[in-house]
Amino acid sequence: MTDLDPPLRRYLADLVAAARDVLGDGLVGAYAAGSVGLGAYQPGRSDVDVALVCADALGLTGRRELVARLRHEALPCPARGLELVVYRRAVARSGTPEPGFEVELNTGARMPFRATWAAADRPAEDGLFWYGLDRSILHQCGYALLGPPAAEAFADLSPADLRRLLTDALRWWLALPTPSGDGPAPGAEDAVLGACRSLVRVRHGVWLSKADAGRRLLADGWPADAADGGAAADPIGGGAAGLIERSIAARAGGPPPGGPESRAFQRRVLAAIRAAAL
């Protein structure tokens, strides 16, 4: 992974070494996911997403020891934070849409600490769609730090499960609170570009980074695409292309778009994905 900045490369190597100290031969794979796997990691902005694959189920003692070794206080993360999920090999290869993880850890200097010891402990309101979608991304774009290629370690979702989880994700984003009024709404750019990524996955069958997905839809001419209802059906009119462009610029430090326009765009994407499922 020569294109990564040295602090992140060293961190990932140290993380795999620490996990192997805890799990021994039971650690059969380690994969960089998210922005790292998609080639869109931004120092200072991005999280580090890592999936570990273990041969068998972990006991509570093993889970706790793994969290103790990998939390930020023990292994400082150079990014905003670490989002780590551990799966059994059978779950990773199953293509299930269910969470199915052994342990989940969020930790970092700018990320609230959270350790979840079993999938059953994950609150439904926090979203149970993340894991199946993340494993789909890993299947296509995961970067192997240890073990076989990610395409062999992780199975993809069925088309029906994919669309269901994408729909759940869009509904979750739409349910998040947003500032009233038309002024800039922090985080709205991620909601817009996340919706773009979902639609690109349905239309083109590929996972892209959020910004690249926005650019792909702009190249498609999707905001005024007659096949999706035409400009007359666009709830934000001809401003959709500008909204995507401003959302991309916001990830480089520009102002985020407003809440109402971003929500209107997300609703249109949700309708397009629902229509594609028919």
Protein backbone atom coordinates (compact mmCIF):
# COMPACT_ATOMS: atom_id res chain seq x y z
CA MET A 1 0.00 0.00 0.00
CA THR A 2 2.70 2.41 -1.09
CA ASP A 3 0.30 5.24 -1.91
CA LEU A 4 -0.72 5.73 1.74
CA ASP A 5 1.00 8.26 3.93
CA PRO A 6 3.61 6.62 6.17
CA PRO A 7 1.82 7.17 9.54
CA LEU A 8 -1.28 5.34 8.31
CA ARG A 9 0.76 2.53 6.75
CA ARG A 10 2.66 2.00 10.02
CA TYR A 11 -0.56 2.12 12.00
CA LEU A 12 -2.22 -0.57 9.91
CA ALA A 13 0.85 -2.82 10.24
CA ASP A 14 0.89 -2.30 14.02
CA LEU A 15 -2.86 -2.98 14.23
CA VAL A 16 -2.52 -6.31 12.42
CA ALA A 17 0.43 -7.27 14.64
CA ALA A 18 -1.50 -6.45 17.81
CA ALA A 19 -4.55 -8.39 16.61
CA ARG A 20 -2.35 -11.38 15.83
CA ASP A 21 -0.86 -11.21 19.33
CA VAL A 22 -4.38 -11.60 20.73
CA LEU A 23 -5.93 -14.04 18.23
CA GLY A 24 -2.89 -16.02 17.11
CA ASP A 25 -3.62 -18.40 14.25
CA GLY A 26 -7.31 -17.64 14.74
CA LEU A 27 -6.76 -14.39 12.82
CA VAL A 28 -7.16 -15.45 9.20
CA GLY A 29 -7.60 -12.08 7.50
CA ALA A 30 -7.32 -8.32 7.94
CA TYR A 31 -8.63 -5.81 5.42
CA ALA A 32 -8.65 -2.05 5.01
CA ALA A 33 -12.11 -0.92 4.00
CA GLY A 34 -13.99 2.37 3.62
CA SER A 35 -12.05 5.31 2.25
CA VAL A 36 -8.76 3.41 2.36
CA GLY A 37 -10.10 0.55 0.27
CA LEU A 38 -11.83 2.94 -2.12
CA GLY A 39 -8.68 5.03 -2.61
CA ALA A 40 -10.22 8.17 -1.09
CA TYR A 41 -8.54 8.46 2.30
CA GLN A 42 -8.13 12.10 3.39
CA PRO A 43 -5.70 12.70 6.28
CA GLY A 44 -7.39 14.76 8.95
CA ARG A 45 -10.91 14.00 7.68
CA SER A 46 -11.31 10.29 7.04
CA ASP A 47 -11.76 7.44 9.47
CA VAL A 48 -9.77 4.23 9.20
CA ASP A 49 -12.09 1.29 8.55
CA VAL A 50 -10.70 -2.18 9.21
CA ALA A 51 -12.35 -5.60 9.10
CA LEU A 52 -10.72 -8.56 10.82
CA VAL A 53 -11.70 -12.14 9.99
CA CYS A 54 -11.33 -14.85 12.62
CA ALA A 55 -11.60 -18.60 12.15
CA ASP A 56 -14.07 -19.21 14.97
CA ALA A 57 -16.36 -17.35 17.35
CA LEU A 58 -14.61 -15.23 19.97
CA GLY A 59 -15.29 -15.53 23.66
CA LEU A 60 -15.95 -12.42 25.72
CA THR A 61 -12.43 -12.52 27.15
CA GLY A 62 -10.91 -12.50 23.66
CA ARG A 63 -13.17 -9.67 22.55
CA ARG A 64 -12.27 -7.55 25.56
CA GLU A 65 -8.55 -8.21 25.12
CA LEU A 66 -8.74 -7.26 21.45
CA VAL A 67 -10.49 -3.97 22.29
CA ALA A 68 -7.95 -3.24 25.03
CA ARG A 69 -5.04 -3.71 22.60
CA LEU A 70 -6.56 -1.76 19.70
CA ARG A 71 -8.28 1.18 21.37
CA HIS A 72 -6.74 4.59 20.74
CA GLU A 73 -5.19 4.84 24.20
CA ALA A 74 -3.16 1.68 23.55
CA LEU A 75 -2.55 2.08 19.81
CA PRO A 76 -2.93 5.75 18.78
CA CYS A 77 -4.81 6.15 15.51
CA PRO A 78 -3.38 8.82 13.17
CA ALA A 79 -6.78 9.45 11.57
CA ARG A 80 -10.00 10.86 13.00
CA GLY A 81 -10.60 7.44 14.46
CA LEU A 82 -10.71 3.69 13.91
CA GLU A 83 -13.87 1.83 13.01
CA LEU A 84 -13.08 -1.85 13.46
CA VAL A 85 -15.38 -4.84 12.96
CA VAL A 86 -14.49 -8.49 13.50
CA TYR A 87 -16.32 -11.26 11.62
CA ARG A 88 -16.14 -15.01 11.73
CA ARG A 89 -14.91 -16.46 8.45
CA ALA A 90 -18.26 -18.20 7.88
CA VAL A 91 -20.16 -14.92 8.23
CA ALA A 92 -17.78 -13.03 5.94
CA ARG A 93 -18.29 -15.66 3.23
CA SER A 94 -22.05 -16.04 3.69
CA GLY A 95 -23.37 -12.95 1.87
CA THR A 96 -25.85 -12.42 4.69
CA PRO A 97 -27.43 -8.96 5.10
CA GLU A 98 -27.43 -9.37 8.89
CA PRO A 99 -24.80 -7.62 11.10
CA GLY A 100 -23.22 -10.91 12.22
CA PHE A 101 -20.13 -9.40 13.85
CA GLU A 102 -18.11 -10.70 16.80
CA VAL A 103 -17.05 -7.34 18.18
CA GLU A 104 -17.16 -3.74 16.98
CA LEU A 105 -14.87 -0.94 18.11
CA ASN A 106 -15.00 2.80 17.47
CA THR A 107 -12.08 4.68 18.96
CA GLY A 108 -9.94 7.73 18.22
CA ALA A 109 -8.87 11.19 19.28
CA ARG A 110 -11.93 12.70 17.54
CA MET A 111 -14.34 9.79 17.77
CA PRO A 112 -16.45 8.73 20.75
CA PHE A 113 -15.32 5.41 22.19
CA ARG A 114 -17.71 2.55 21.66
CA ALA A 115 -17.27 -1.20 22.03
CA THR A 116 -20.12 -3.55 21.11
CA TRP A 117 -19.62 -7.14 22.17
CA ALA A 118 -22.23 -8.80 19.96
CA ALA A 119 -24.49 -7.94 17.03
CA ALA A 120 -27.55 -8.43 19.28
CA ASP A 121 -26.36 -5.50 21.41
CA ARG A 122 -26.40 -3.07 18.49
CA PRO A 123 -29.38 -0.66 18.87
CA ALA A 124 -31.67 -0.84 15.84
CA GLU A 125 -31.94 2.95 15.74
CA ASP A 126 -28.19 3.16 15.07
CA GLY A 127 -28.68 1.27 11.83
CA LEU A 128 -28.23 -2.45 11.20
CA PHE A 129 -27.60 -1.99 7.48
CA TRP A 130 -23.97 -0.86 7.76
CA TYR A 131 -22.40 -4.30 8.05
CA GLY A 132 -23.88 -6.00 5.01
CA LEU A 133 -23.08 -2.93 2.91
CA ASP A 134 -19.54 -2.75 4.29
CA ARG A 135 -18.96 -6.41 3.44
CA SER A 136 -20.23 -5.75 -0.09
CA ILE A 137 -17.70 -2.92 -0.40
CA LEU A 138 -15.00 -5.18 1.02
CA HIS A 139 -15.84 -7.87 -1.54
CA GLN A 140 -15.18 -5.41 -4.35
CA CYS A 141 -12.62 -2.98 -2.93
CA GLY A 142 -11.13 -4.32 0.29
CA TYR A 143 -7.36 -4.11 0.60
CA ALA A 144 -5.83 -7.26 2.09
CA LEU A 145 -3.42 -6.57 4.94
CA LEU A 146 -3.38 -10.26 5.87
CA GLY A 147 -4.99 -13.33 4.35
CA PRO A 148 -6.57 -14.11 0.97
CA PRO A 149 -7.86 -11.43 -1.42
CA ALA A 150 -10.92 -9.61 -0.11
CA ALA A 151 -13.04 -10.93 -2.98
CA GLU A 152 -12.45 -14.44 -1.64
CA ALA A 153 -12.85 -13.57 2.03
CA PHE A 154 -16.14 -11.65 1.65
CA ALA A 155 -19.21 -12.60 -0.35
CA ASP A 156 -21.38 -9.94 -1.97
CA LEU A 157 -25.05 -9.35 -1.20
CA SER A 158 -27.89 -10.57 -3.38
CA PRO A 159 -29.45 -7.78 -5.50
CA ALA A 160 -32.62 -7.83 -3.37
CA ASP A 161 -30.70 -7.58 -0.09
CA LEU A 162 -28.47 -4.85 -1.51
CA ARG A 163 -31.42 -2.67 -2.48
CA ARG A 164 -33.13 -3.26 0.84
CA LEU A 165 -30.07 -2.22 2.82
CA LEU A 166 -29.47 0.81 0.60
CA THR A 167 -33.08 1.84 1.14
CA ASP A 168 -32.69 1.40 4.90
CA ALA A 169 -29.53 3.50 4.81
CA LEU A 170 -31.20 6.35 2.94
CA ARG A 171 -34.14 6.34 5.35
CA TRP A 172 -31.68 6.47 8.26
CA TRP A 173 -29.89 9.48 6.78
CA LEU A 174 -33.22 11.22 6.16
CA ALA A 175 -34.24 10.68 9.79
CA LEU A 176 -31.18 12.51 11.14
CA PRO A 177 -31.85 16.01 12.54
CA THR A 178 -30.73 18.93 10.41
CA PRO A 179 -30.66 22.69 11.08
CA SER A 180 -33.77 24.60 10.10
CA GLY A 181 -33.55 27.10 7.28
CA ASP A 182 -31.60 27.09 4.05
CA GLY A 183 -28.17 27.85 5.48
CA PRO A 184 -25.22 25.45 5.36
CA ALA A 185 -25.90 22.21 7.27
CA PRO A 186 -22.71 20.49 8.46
CA GLY A 187 -22.69 16.88 7.33
CA ALA A 188 -25.21 17.44 4.53
CA GLU A 189 -22.46 16.93 1.97
CA ASP A 190 -21.87 13.40 3.24
CA ALA A 191 -25.59 12.66 3.08
CA VAL A 192 -25.77 13.88 -0.52
CA LEU A 193 -22.68 12.04 -1.69
CA GLY A 194 -23.60 8.92 0.25
CA ALA A 195 -26.87 8.92 -1.68
CA CYS A 196 -24.87 9.31 -4.90
CA ARG A 197 -22.75 6.28 -3.99
CA SER A 198 -25.87 4.20 -3.35
CA LEU A 199 -27.39 5.11 -6.70
CA VAL A 200 -24.15 4.47 -8.60
CA ARG A 201 -23.96 1.01 -7.01
CA VAL A 202 -27.49 0.22 -8.25
CA ARG A 203 -27.05 1.76 -11.70
CA HIS A 204 -23.49 0.69 -12.48
CA GLY A 205 -22.84 -2.23 -10.13
CA VAL A 206 -19.69 -0.66 -8.65
CA TRP A 207 -18.78 0.90 -5.34
CA LEU A 208 -17.03 4.25 -5.60
CA SER A 209 -15.88 6.77 -3.06
CA LYS A 210 -18.51 9.38 -2.22
CA ALA A 211 -16.87 12.12 -4.27
CA ASP A 212 -16.23 9.82 -7.24
CA ALA A 213 -19.84 8.65 -7.11
CA GLY A 214 -21.00 12.26 -7.31
CA ARG A 215 -18.76 12.80 -10.33
CA ARG A 216 -20.12 9.63 -11.95
CA LEU A 217 -23.71 10.87 -11.63
CA LEU A 218 -22.71 14.25 -13.05
CA ALA A 219 -21.12 12.45 -16.00
CA ASP A 220 -24.32 10.42 -16.39
CA GLY A 221 -26.38 13.59 -16.48
CA TRP A 222 -28.60 11.92 -13.90
CA PRO A 223 -30.22 15.01 -12.33
CA ALA A 224 -31.97 15.71 -15.65
CA ASP A 225 -32.17 12.10 -16.87
CA ALA A 226 -35.55 11.48 -18.48
CA ALA A 227 -35.34 7.82 -17.51
CA ASP A 228 -35.61 8.89 -13.86
CA GLY A 229 -38.55 11.20 -14.42
CA GLY A 230 -36.91 14.13 -16.12
CA ALA A 231 -36.30 17.60 -14.79
CA ALA A 232 -40.00 18.11 -14.12
CA ALA A 233 -39.90 15.30 -11.54
CA ASP A 234 -36.77 16.63 -9.85
CA PRO A 235 -37.84 18.07 -6.45
CA ILE A 236 -34.85 20.41 -6.46
CA GLY A 237 -35.11 21.29 -10.13
CA GLY A 238 -32.04 22.07 -12.15
CA GLY A 239 -29.99 22.67 -8.98
CA ALA A 240 -29.21 18.99 -8.45
CA ALA A 241 -25.96 19.12 -10.42
CA GLY A 242 -24.88 22.20 -8.50
CA LEU A 243 -25.77 20.50 -5.23
CA ILE A 244 -23.51 17.56 -6.05
CA GLU A 245 -20.68 19.89 -7.09
CA ARG A 246 -21.00 21.90 -3.87
CA SER A 247 -21.05 18.72 -1.81
CA ILE A 248 -17.82 17.56 -3.45
CA ALA A 249 -16.26 20.97 -2.80
CA ALA A 250 -17.37 20.82 0.85
CA ARG A 251 -15.24 17.73 1.39
CA ALA A 252 -12.25 19.88 0.43
CA GLY A 253 -13.16 22.63 2.88
CA GLY A 254 -15.98 24.51 1.17
CA PRO A 255 -19.32 25.26 2.86
CA PRO A 256 -21.79 22.36 3.06
CA PRO A 257 -25.12 22.54 1.25
CA GLY A 258 -28.37 23.33 3.03
CA GLY A 259 -30.53 20.78 4.78
CA PRO A 260 -33.76 21.10 2.76
CA GLU A 261 -32.07 20.78 -0.64
CA SER A 262 -29.96 17.84 0.51
CA ARG A 263 -33.03 16.05 1.86
CA ALA A 264 -34.92 16.64 -1.38
CA PHE A 265 -32.03 15.10 -3.29
CA GLN A 266 -31.88 12.10 -0.96
CA ARG A 267 -35.61 11.53 -1.38
CA ARG A 268 -35.19 11.51 -5.15
CA VAL A 269 -32.39 8.98 -4.92
CA LEU A 270 -34.51 6.85 -2.60
CA ALA A 271 -37.36 6.90 -5.14
CA ALA A 272 -34.94 5.94 -7.95
CA ILE A 273 -33.55 2.98 -5.98
CA ARG A 274 -37.04 1.81 -5.08
CA ALA A 275 -38.05 2.00 -8.73
CA ALA A 276 -34.98 -0.01 -9.73
CA ALA A 277 -36.08 -2.79 -7.40
CA LEU A 278 -39.39 -3.28 -9.22
